[in-house]
């Protein structure tokens, strides 16, 4: 297991009771090097929406717990934030939450000369995603998809 994977796994275990206590949900956790800095990035959500106070509460509790356990050798910055409106769908819960809503899909390689697709999310089985565009249905394997996220038509705004 790589250093990154080890830190992420241990952090997730430390974070679990904090999330339960605060009623927040882990959307993503990553330990990455950006330039010369290591960043431990935690992305959260909460039923009804995440507030800045929620991020602050989790950040303080997690920071204290990580300082106490001291398993990260590098100097790092801890970032705790909300995923925002256009967060990518990654976990099964993300797909469930967006079922029946419009999503945009970006493919690694074109299909029918198209790398970008927009449609209503109608099915997800853990290996494939199905969207409906008008009367047509399109099914994509997850390994074909570079990005899938909610679609917002900004031209209507």
N, C-alpha and C. Protein backbone atom coordinates (compact mmCIF):
# COMPACT_ATOMS: atom_id res chain seq x y z
N UNK A 1 0.85 -1.18 0.00
CA UNK A 1 0.00 0.00 0.00
C UNK A 1 0.90 1.24 0.00
N UNK A 2 0.58 2.21 -0.86
CA UNK A 2 1.39 3.42 -0.96
C UNK A 2 1.18 4.32 0.26
N UNK A 3 2.08 5.28 0.43
CA UNK A 3 1.96 6.23 1.54
C UNK A 3 0.62 6.97 1.46
N UNK A 4 0.25 7.38 0.27
CA UNK A 4 -1.00 8.10 0.06
C UNK A 4 -2.19 7.25 0.51
N UNK A 5 -2.22 6.00 0.06
CA UNK A 5 -3.32 5.10 0.42
C UNK A 5 -3.37 4.84 1.92
N UNK A 6 -2.21 4.67 2.54
CA UNK A 6 -2.14 4.43 3.98
C UNK A 6 -2.69 5.61 4.76
N UNK A 7 -2.26 6.81 4.40
CA UNK A 7 -2.74 8.01 5.09
C UNK A 7 -4.24 8.17 4.90
N UNK A 8 -4.74 7.97 3.67
CA UNK A 8 -6.17 8.11 3.41
C UNK A 8 -6.98 7.09 4.21
N UNK A 9 -6.52 5.85 4.26
CA UNK A 9 -7.25 4.80 4.98
C UNK A 9 -7.28 5.09 6.48
N UNK A 10 -6.14 5.45 7.05
CA UNK A 10 -6.08 5.74 8.49
C UNK A 10 -6.91 6.99 8.82
N UNK A 11 -6.85 7.99 7.96
CA UNK A 11 -7.62 9.22 8.20
C UNK A 11 -9.11 8.93 8.15
N UNK A 12 -9.53 8.10 7.21
CA UNK A 12 -10.95 7.75 7.11
C UNK A 12 -11.43 7.07 8.39
N UNK A 13 -10.59 6.22 8.97
CA UNK A 13 -10.95 5.54 10.22
C UNK A 13 -11.06 6.55 11.37
N UNK A 14 -10.15 7.51 11.43
CA UNK A 14 -10.19 8.55 12.46
C UNK A 14 -11.41 9.44 12.27
N UNK A 15 -11.76 9.68 11.04
CA UNK A 15 -12.84 10.59 10.69
C UNK A 15 -14.23 10.01 10.93
N UNK A 16 -14.39 8.69 10.82
CA UNK A 16 -15.71 8.05 10.90
C UNK A 16 -16.52 8.45 12.14
N UNK A 17 -15.97 8.39 13.36
CA UNK A 17 -16.78 8.77 14.52
C UNK A 17 -17.11 10.28 14.56
N UNK A 18 -16.25 11.08 13.98
CA UNK A 18 -16.49 12.54 13.92
C UNK A 18 -17.67 12.81 12.99
N UNK A 19 -17.70 12.11 11.86
CA UNK A 19 -18.80 12.28 10.91
C UNK A 19 -20.12 11.85 11.52
N UNK A 20 -20.08 10.73 12.22
CA UNK A 20 -21.31 10.23 12.86
C UNK A 20 -21.82 11.24 13.89
N UNK A 21 -20.92 11.79 14.67
CA UNK A 21 -21.29 12.74 15.71
C UNK A 21 -21.85 14.04 15.13
N UNK A 22 -21.31 14.47 14.00
CA UNK A 22 -21.72 15.75 13.40
C UNK A 22 -22.82 15.60 12.36
N UNK A 23 -23.19 14.37 12.02
CA UNK A 23 -24.24 14.16 11.02
C UNK A 23 -23.81 14.52 9.61
N UNK A 24 -22.52 14.46 9.37
CA UNK A 24 -21.99 14.77 8.04
C UNK A 24 -21.58 13.49 7.32
N UNK A 25 -21.44 13.59 6.02
CA UNK A 25 -21.12 12.44 5.17
C UNK A 25 -19.84 12.72 4.40
N UNK A 26 -18.95 11.75 4.33
CA UNK A 26 -17.72 11.88 3.57
C UNK A 26 -18.01 11.70 2.09
N UNK A 27 -17.68 12.70 1.30
CA UNK A 27 -17.84 12.64 -0.15
C UNK A 27 -16.54 12.19 -0.79
N UNK A 28 -15.43 12.74 -0.30
CA UNK A 28 -14.13 12.41 -0.87
C UNK A 28 -13.04 12.71 0.15
N UNK A 29 -11.96 11.97 0.08
CA UNK A 29 -10.81 12.19 0.93
C UNK A 29 -9.58 11.89 0.09
N UNK A 30 -8.65 12.81 0.04
CA UNK A 30 -7.44 12.57 -0.73
C UNK A 30 -6.24 13.20 -0.05
N UNK A 31 -5.12 12.52 -0.15
CA UNK A 31 -3.84 13.01 0.36
C UNK A 31 -2.96 13.18 -0.86
N UNK A 32 -2.71 14.42 -1.24
CA UNK A 32 -2.02 14.70 -2.50
C UNK A 32 -0.88 15.70 -2.30
N UNK A 33 0.08 15.61 -3.19
CA UNK A 33 1.17 16.58 -3.20
C UNK A 33 0.91 17.55 -4.34
N UNK A 34 0.83 18.82 -3.99
CA UNK A 34 0.63 19.88 -4.98
C UNK A 34 1.81 20.83 -4.85
N UNK A 35 2.66 20.83 -5.87
CA UNK A 35 3.90 21.59 -5.78
C UNK A 35 4.77 20.95 -4.71
N UNK A 36 5.19 21.73 -3.74
CA UNK A 36 6.01 21.18 -2.66
C UNK A 36 5.19 20.88 -1.41
N UNK A 37 3.88 21.10 -1.47
CA UNK A 37 3.02 20.95 -0.30
C UNK A 37 2.20 19.66 -0.34
N UNK A 38 2.07 19.03 0.81
CA UNK A 38 1.15 17.91 0.97
C UNK A 38 -0.17 18.46 1.48
N UNK A 39 -1.27 17.98 0.91
CA UNK A 39 -2.59 18.45 1.31
C UNK A 39 -3.46 17.23 1.63
N UNK A 40 -4.09 17.29 2.79
CA UNK A 40 -5.08 16.30 3.18
C UNK A 40 -6.43 16.97 2.98
N UNK A 41 -7.11 16.58 1.90
CA UNK A 41 -8.35 17.26 1.48
C UNK A 41 -9.55 16.37 1.82
N UNK A 42 -10.44 16.91 2.62
CA UNK A 42 -11.64 16.20 3.04
C UNK A 42 -12.84 16.96 2.51
N UNK A 43 -13.69 16.28 1.75
CA UNK A 43 -14.88 16.89 1.19
C UNK A 43 -16.10 16.24 1.83
N UNK A 44 -16.99 17.07 2.38
CA UNK A 44 -18.13 16.60 3.15
C UNK A 44 -19.44 17.09 2.56
N UNK A 45 -20.52 16.44 2.96
CA UNK A 45 -21.86 16.90 2.64
C UNK A 45 -22.74 16.58 3.83
N UNK A 46 -23.94 17.11 3.80
CA UNK A 46 -24.88 16.90 4.90
C UNK A 46 -26.29 17.05 4.35
N UNK A 47 -27.20 16.24 4.84
CA UNK A 47 -28.60 16.36 4.45
C UNK A 47 -29.06 17.78 4.73
N UNK A 48 -29.63 18.42 3.73
CA UNK A 48 -30.07 19.81 3.90
C UNK A 48 -28.98 20.82 3.59
N UNK A 49 -27.78 20.35 3.30
CA UNK A 49 -26.70 21.25 2.93
C UNK A 49 -25.69 21.46 4.05
N UNK A 50 -24.45 21.64 3.66
CA UNK A 50 -23.34 21.83 4.58
C UNK A 50 -23.11 23.31 4.80
N UNK A 51 -22.90 23.70 6.04
CA UNK A 51 -22.61 25.10 6.37
C UNK A 51 -21.14 25.23 6.75
N UNK A 52 -20.64 26.44 6.74
CA UNK A 52 -19.24 26.67 7.09
C UNK A 52 -18.95 26.23 8.51
N UNK A 53 -19.95 26.37 9.40
CA UNK A 53 -19.77 25.92 10.79
C UNK A 53 -19.55 24.41 10.86
N UNK A 54 -20.22 23.67 9.99
CA UNK A 54 -20.03 22.22 9.95
C UNK A 54 -18.59 21.87 9.56
N UNK A 55 -18.09 22.57 8.54
CA UNK A 55 -16.71 22.34 8.09
C UNK A 55 -15.72 22.67 9.21
N UNK A 56 -15.96 23.78 9.90
CA UNK A 56 -15.07 24.20 10.98
C UNK A 56 -15.07 23.17 12.12
N UNK A 57 -16.25 22.69 12.49
CA UNK A 57 -16.36 21.70 13.57
C UNK A 57 -15.60 20.43 13.23
N UNK A 58 -15.80 19.91 12.01
CA UNK A 58 -15.11 18.69 11.59
C UNK A 58 -13.62 18.94 11.48
N UNK A 59 -13.22 20.08 10.94
CA UNK A 59 -11.80 20.40 10.78
C UNK A 59 -11.08 20.42 12.12
N UNK A 60 -11.67 21.07 13.11
CA UNK A 60 -11.04 21.13 14.44
C UNK A 60 -10.94 19.76 15.08
N UNK A 61 -12.03 19.02 15.02
CA UNK A 61 -12.03 17.68 15.64
C UNK A 61 -11.05 16.75 14.93
N UNK A 62 -11.05 16.78 13.61
CA UNK A 62 -10.14 15.93 12.86
C UNK A 62 -8.69 16.35 13.08
N UNK A 63 -8.42 17.65 13.05
CA UNK A 63 -7.07 18.15 13.28
C UNK A 63 -6.54 17.70 14.63
N UNK A 64 -7.37 17.81 15.67
CA UNK A 64 -6.96 17.37 17.01
C UNK A 64 -6.68 15.87 17.04
N UNK A 65 -7.56 15.09 16.43
CA UNK A 65 -7.40 13.63 16.41
C UNK A 65 -6.14 13.22 15.64
N UNK A 66 -5.88 13.89 14.51
CA UNK A 66 -4.68 13.58 13.73
C UNK A 66 -3.42 13.96 14.49
N UNK A 67 -3.45 15.09 15.18
CA UNK A 67 -2.29 15.49 16.00
C UNK A 67 -2.03 14.47 17.10
N UNK A 68 -3.09 13.96 17.69
CA UNK A 68 -2.97 12.99 18.77
C UNK A 68 -2.40 11.67 18.26
N UNK A 69 -2.89 11.20 17.12
CA UNK A 69 -2.45 9.91 16.59
C UNK A 69 -1.11 10.01 15.86
N UNK A 70 -0.84 11.16 15.26
CA UNK A 70 0.47 11.49 14.66
C UNK A 70 1.03 10.40 13.73
N UNK A 71 0.23 9.95 12.76
CA UNK A 71 0.71 8.93 11.82
C UNK A 71 1.12 9.50 10.47
N UNK A 72 1.00 10.81 10.28
CA UNK A 72 1.40 11.43 9.01
C UNK A 72 2.77 12.07 9.21
N UNK A 73 3.78 11.53 8.51
CA UNK A 73 5.16 11.98 8.69
C UNK A 73 5.43 13.35 8.08
N UNK A 74 4.76 13.68 7.00
CA UNK A 74 5.02 14.93 6.28
C UNK A 74 4.30 16.10 6.95
N UNK A 75 4.81 17.30 6.72
CA UNK A 75 4.04 18.50 7.05
C UNK A 75 2.94 18.58 5.99
N UNK A 76 1.73 18.90 6.41
CA UNK A 76 0.62 18.93 5.46
C UNK A 76 -0.37 20.01 5.86
N UNK A 77 -1.23 20.37 4.91
CA UNK A 77 -2.33 21.30 5.18
C UNK A 77 -3.62 20.49 5.16
N UNK A 78 -4.48 20.74 6.13
CA UNK A 78 -5.77 20.08 6.20
C UNK A 78 -6.81 21.02 5.60
N UNK A 79 -7.54 20.52 4.59
CA UNK A 79 -8.63 21.28 3.97
C UNK A 79 -9.92 20.50 4.15
N UNK A 80 -10.92 21.15 4.74
CA UNK A 80 -12.24 20.54 4.90
C UNK A 80 -13.23 21.46 4.21
N UNK A 81 -13.98 20.91 3.23
CA UNK A 81 -14.87 21.77 2.47
C UNK A 81 -16.09 21.01 1.96
N UNK A 82 -16.98 21.77 1.37
CA UNK A 82 -18.18 21.25 0.71
C UNK A 82 -17.82 20.95 -0.74
N UNK A 83 -18.50 19.99 -1.36
CA UNK A 83 -18.17 19.65 -2.74
C UNK A 83 -18.69 20.63 -3.77
N UNK A 84 -19.65 21.47 -3.41
CA UNK A 84 -20.20 22.41 -4.38
C UNK A 84 -21.26 21.77 -5.26
N UNK A 85 -21.90 22.59 -6.06
CA UNK A 85 -23.00 22.11 -6.90
C UNK A 85 -22.59 21.12 -7.98
N UNK A 86 -21.40 21.33 -8.54
CA UNK A 86 -20.99 20.52 -9.68
C UNK A 86 -20.01 19.42 -9.31
N UNK A 87 -20.18 18.87 -8.11
CA UNK A 87 -19.25 17.84 -7.67
C UNK A 87 -19.43 16.59 -8.52
N UNK A 88 -18.34 15.92 -8.82
CA UNK A 88 -18.43 14.68 -9.58
C UNK A 88 -19.15 13.59 -8.79
N UNK A 89 -19.83 12.71 -9.50
CA UNK A 89 -20.46 11.55 -8.89
C UNK A 89 -19.40 10.47 -8.76
N UNK A 90 -19.17 10.00 -7.56
CA UNK A 90 -18.13 9.01 -7.33
C UNK A 90 -18.65 7.76 -6.64
N UNK A 91 -19.49 7.95 -5.64
CA UNK A 91 -19.96 6.83 -4.83
C UNK A 91 -21.39 6.47 -5.22
N UNK A 92 -21.79 5.23 -4.94
CA UNK A 92 -23.16 4.82 -5.26
C UNK A 92 -24.21 5.80 -4.70
N UNK A 93 -23.96 6.35 -3.52
CA UNK A 93 -24.89 7.29 -2.91
C UNK A 93 -25.05 8.55 -3.78
N UNK A 94 -23.97 8.96 -4.45
CA UNK A 94 -24.03 10.12 -5.34
C UNK A 94 -24.97 9.85 -6.51
N UNK A 95 -24.89 8.63 -7.05
CA UNK A 95 -25.76 8.25 -8.17
C UNK A 95 -27.21 8.18 -7.72
N UNK A 96 -27.44 7.60 -6.54
CA UNK A 96 -28.80 7.51 -6.00
C UNK A 96 -29.40 8.91 -5.82
N UNK A 97 -28.59 9.82 -5.27
CA UNK A 97 -29.05 11.19 -5.00
C UNK A 97 -29.41 11.92 -6.28
N UNK A 98 -28.77 11.57 -7.38
CA UNK A 98 -28.97 12.28 -8.65
C UNK A 98 -29.86 11.53 -9.64
N UNK A 99 -30.43 10.41 -9.21
CA UNK A 99 -31.31 9.64 -10.09
C UNK A 99 -32.50 10.51 -10.50
N UNK A 100 -32.80 10.52 -11.82
CA UNK A 100 -33.90 11.32 -12.33
C UNK A 100 -33.52 12.76 -12.63
N UNK A 101 -32.27 13.12 -12.37
CA UNK A 101 -31.79 14.48 -12.65
C UNK A 101 -30.86 14.46 -13.86
N UNK A 102 -30.69 15.64 -14.44
CA UNK A 102 -29.78 15.74 -15.58
C UNK A 102 -28.34 15.71 -15.12
N UNK A 103 -27.53 14.95 -15.87
CA UNK A 103 -26.09 14.86 -15.61
C UNK A 103 -25.34 15.08 -16.91
N UNK A 104 -24.10 15.49 -16.77
CA UNK A 104 -23.23 15.56 -17.95
C UNK A 104 -22.14 14.51 -17.77
N UNK A 105 -21.84 13.84 -18.87
CA UNK A 105 -20.84 12.78 -18.87
C UNK A 105 -19.76 13.16 -19.88
N UNK A 106 -18.51 13.05 -19.43
CA UNK A 106 -17.36 13.26 -20.30
C UNK A 106 -16.66 11.91 -20.44
N UNK A 107 -16.41 11.52 -21.68
CA UNK A 107 -15.78 10.23 -21.97
C UNK A 107 -14.30 10.40 -22.28
N UNK A 108 -13.54 9.34 -22.02
CA UNK A 108 -12.12 9.34 -22.38
C UNK A 108 -11.96 9.33 -23.90
N UNK A 109 -12.79 8.53 -24.58
CA UNK A 109 -12.72 8.41 -26.03
C UNK A 109 -14.10 8.69 -26.60
N UNK A 110 -14.17 9.31 -27.77
CA UNK A 110 -15.48 9.62 -28.36
C UNK A 110 -16.31 8.37 -28.66
N UNK A 111 -17.60 8.54 -28.55
CA UNK A 111 -18.56 7.54 -28.98
C UNK A 111 -19.51 8.28 -29.92
N UNK A 112 -19.70 7.74 -31.10
CA UNK A 112 -20.51 8.41 -32.11
C UNK A 112 -20.02 9.85 -32.32
N UNK A 113 -18.71 10.00 -32.36
CA UNK A 113 -18.03 11.30 -32.56
C UNK A 113 -18.31 12.31 -31.45
N UNK A 114 -18.69 11.83 -30.28
CA UNK A 114 -19.06 12.71 -29.19
C UNK A 114 -18.37 12.27 -27.90
N UNK A 115 -17.67 13.21 -27.22
CA UNK A 115 -17.05 12.90 -25.94
C UNK A 115 -17.86 13.45 -24.76
N UNK A 116 -18.85 14.29 -25.04
CA UNK A 116 -19.67 14.87 -23.98
C UNK A 116 -21.14 14.55 -24.23
N UNK A 117 -21.80 14.07 -23.18
CA UNK A 117 -23.20 13.68 -23.26
C UNK A 117 -23.97 14.30 -22.10
N UNK A 118 -25.20 14.69 -22.35
CA UNK A 118 -26.08 15.22 -21.31
C UNK A 118 -27.40 14.48 -21.40
N UNK A 119 -27.90 14.07 -20.25
CA UNK A 119 -29.19 13.37 -20.22
C UNK A 119 -29.63 13.13 -18.80
N UNK A 120 -30.81 12.59 -18.67
CA UNK A 120 -31.37 12.29 -17.35
C UNK A 120 -30.84 10.94 -16.89
N UNK A 121 -30.28 10.91 -15.69
CA UNK A 121 -29.75 9.69 -15.12
C UNK A 121 -30.91 8.75 -14.78
N UNK A 122 -30.93 7.59 -15.44
CA UNK A 122 -32.05 6.66 -15.24
C UNK A 122 -31.63 5.36 -14.57
N UNK A 123 -30.33 5.02 -14.62
CA UNK A 123 -29.91 3.76 -14.00
C UNK A 123 -28.42 3.79 -13.68
N UNK A 124 -28.07 3.09 -12.60
CA UNK A 124 -26.69 2.88 -12.20
C UNK A 124 -26.64 1.53 -11.51
N UNK A 125 -25.75 0.65 -11.99
CA UNK A 125 -25.67 -0.68 -11.39
C UNK A 125 -24.30 -1.00 -10.80
N UNK A 126 -23.46 0.03 -10.62
CA UNK A 126 -22.13 -0.20 -10.08
C UNK A 126 -21.07 -0.36 -11.15
N UNK A 127 -21.49 -0.72 -12.35
CA UNK A 127 -20.55 -0.89 -13.46
C UNK A 127 -20.91 -0.04 -14.67
N UNK A 128 -22.20 0.30 -14.80
CA UNK A 128 -22.65 1.10 -15.93
C UNK A 128 -23.59 2.21 -15.46
N UNK A 129 -23.65 3.25 -16.29
CA UNK A 129 -24.53 4.39 -16.07
C UNK A 129 -25.42 4.50 -17.30
N UNK A 130 -26.71 4.72 -17.08
CA UNK A 130 -27.63 4.90 -18.20
C UNK A 130 -28.27 6.27 -18.09
N UNK A 131 -28.29 6.98 -19.23
CA UNK A 131 -28.96 8.28 -19.29
C UNK A 131 -29.97 8.25 -20.43
N UNK A 132 -30.98 9.10 -20.30
CA UNK A 132 -31.99 9.25 -21.36
C UNK A 132 -31.89 10.67 -21.88
N UNK A 133 -31.76 10.76 -23.21
CA UNK A 133 -31.72 12.04 -23.90
C UNK A 133 -32.90 12.03 -24.87
N UNK A 134 -33.98 12.68 -24.48
CA UNK A 134 -35.19 12.62 -25.30
C UNK A 134 -35.72 11.21 -25.30
N UNK A 135 -35.82 10.61 -26.48
CA UNK A 135 -36.32 9.24 -26.59
C UNK A 135 -35.20 8.21 -26.59
N UNK A 136 -33.96 8.67 -26.68
CA UNK A 136 -32.83 7.74 -26.76
C UNK A 136 -32.23 7.47 -25.40
N UNK A 137 -31.83 6.21 -25.23
CA UNK A 137 -31.16 5.82 -24.00
C UNK A 137 -29.72 5.46 -24.34
N UNK A 138 -28.79 5.88 -23.49
CA UNK A 138 -27.36 5.61 -23.71
C UNK A 138 -26.79 4.99 -22.44
N UNK A 139 -26.05 3.90 -22.60
CA UNK A 139 -25.43 3.22 -21.46
C UNK A 139 -23.91 3.32 -21.62
N UNK A 140 -23.25 3.69 -20.52
CA UNK A 140 -21.80 3.86 -20.53
C UNK A 140 -21.19 3.03 -19.41
N UNK A 141 -20.11 2.33 -19.70
CA UNK A 141 -19.35 1.63 -18.66
C UNK A 141 -18.58 2.69 -17.86
N UNK A 142 -18.45 2.48 -16.56
CA UNK A 142 -17.74 3.45 -15.72
C UNK A 142 -16.32 3.69 -16.19
N UNK A 143 -15.66 2.65 -16.72
CA UNK A 143 -14.27 2.84 -17.17
C UNK A 143 -14.16 3.65 -18.46
N UNK A 144 -15.28 3.99 -19.10
CA UNK A 144 -15.30 4.87 -20.27
C UNK A 144 -15.39 6.34 -19.84
N UNK A 145 -15.85 6.57 -18.61
CA UNK A 145 -16.21 7.91 -18.16
C UNK A 145 -15.05 8.58 -17.42
N UNK A 146 -14.66 9.75 -17.91
CA UNK A 146 -13.62 10.51 -17.21
C UNK A 146 -14.24 11.41 -16.15
N UNK A 147 -15.50 11.84 -16.35
CA UNK A 147 -16.18 12.72 -15.40
C UNK A 147 -17.68 12.59 -15.58
N UNK A 148 -18.38 12.49 -14.47
CA UNK A 148 -19.84 12.58 -14.50
C UNK A 148 -20.24 13.45 -13.32
N UNK A 149 -21.11 14.43 -13.62
CA UNK A 149 -21.54 15.37 -12.58
C UNK A 149 -22.90 15.93 -12.94
N UNK A 150 -23.57 16.56 -11.95
CA UNK A 150 -24.85 17.19 -12.27
C UNK A 150 -24.68 18.22 -13.39
N UNK A 151 -25.71 18.34 -14.20
CA UNK A 151 -25.68 19.30 -15.31
C UNK A 151 -26.50 20.52 -14.94
N UNK A 152 -25.91 21.68 -15.12
CA UNK A 152 -26.62 22.94 -14.92
C UNK A 152 -26.52 23.71 -16.22
N UNK A 153 -27.67 24.08 -16.77
CA UNK A 153 -27.71 24.87 -18.00
C UNK A 153 -27.64 26.34 -17.63
N UNK A 154 -26.44 26.91 -17.74
CA UNK A 154 -26.23 28.29 -17.36
C UNK A 154 -26.82 29.27 -18.37
N UNK A 155 -27.21 28.78 -19.55
CA UNK A 155 -27.78 29.68 -20.55
C UNK A 155 -29.18 30.15 -20.14
N UNK A 156 -29.83 29.38 -19.25
CA UNK A 156 -31.16 29.75 -18.78
C UNK A 156 -31.13 30.79 -17.67
N UNK A 157 -29.96 31.03 -17.12
CA UNK A 157 -29.85 31.93 -15.96
C UNK A 157 -29.76 33.38 -16.39
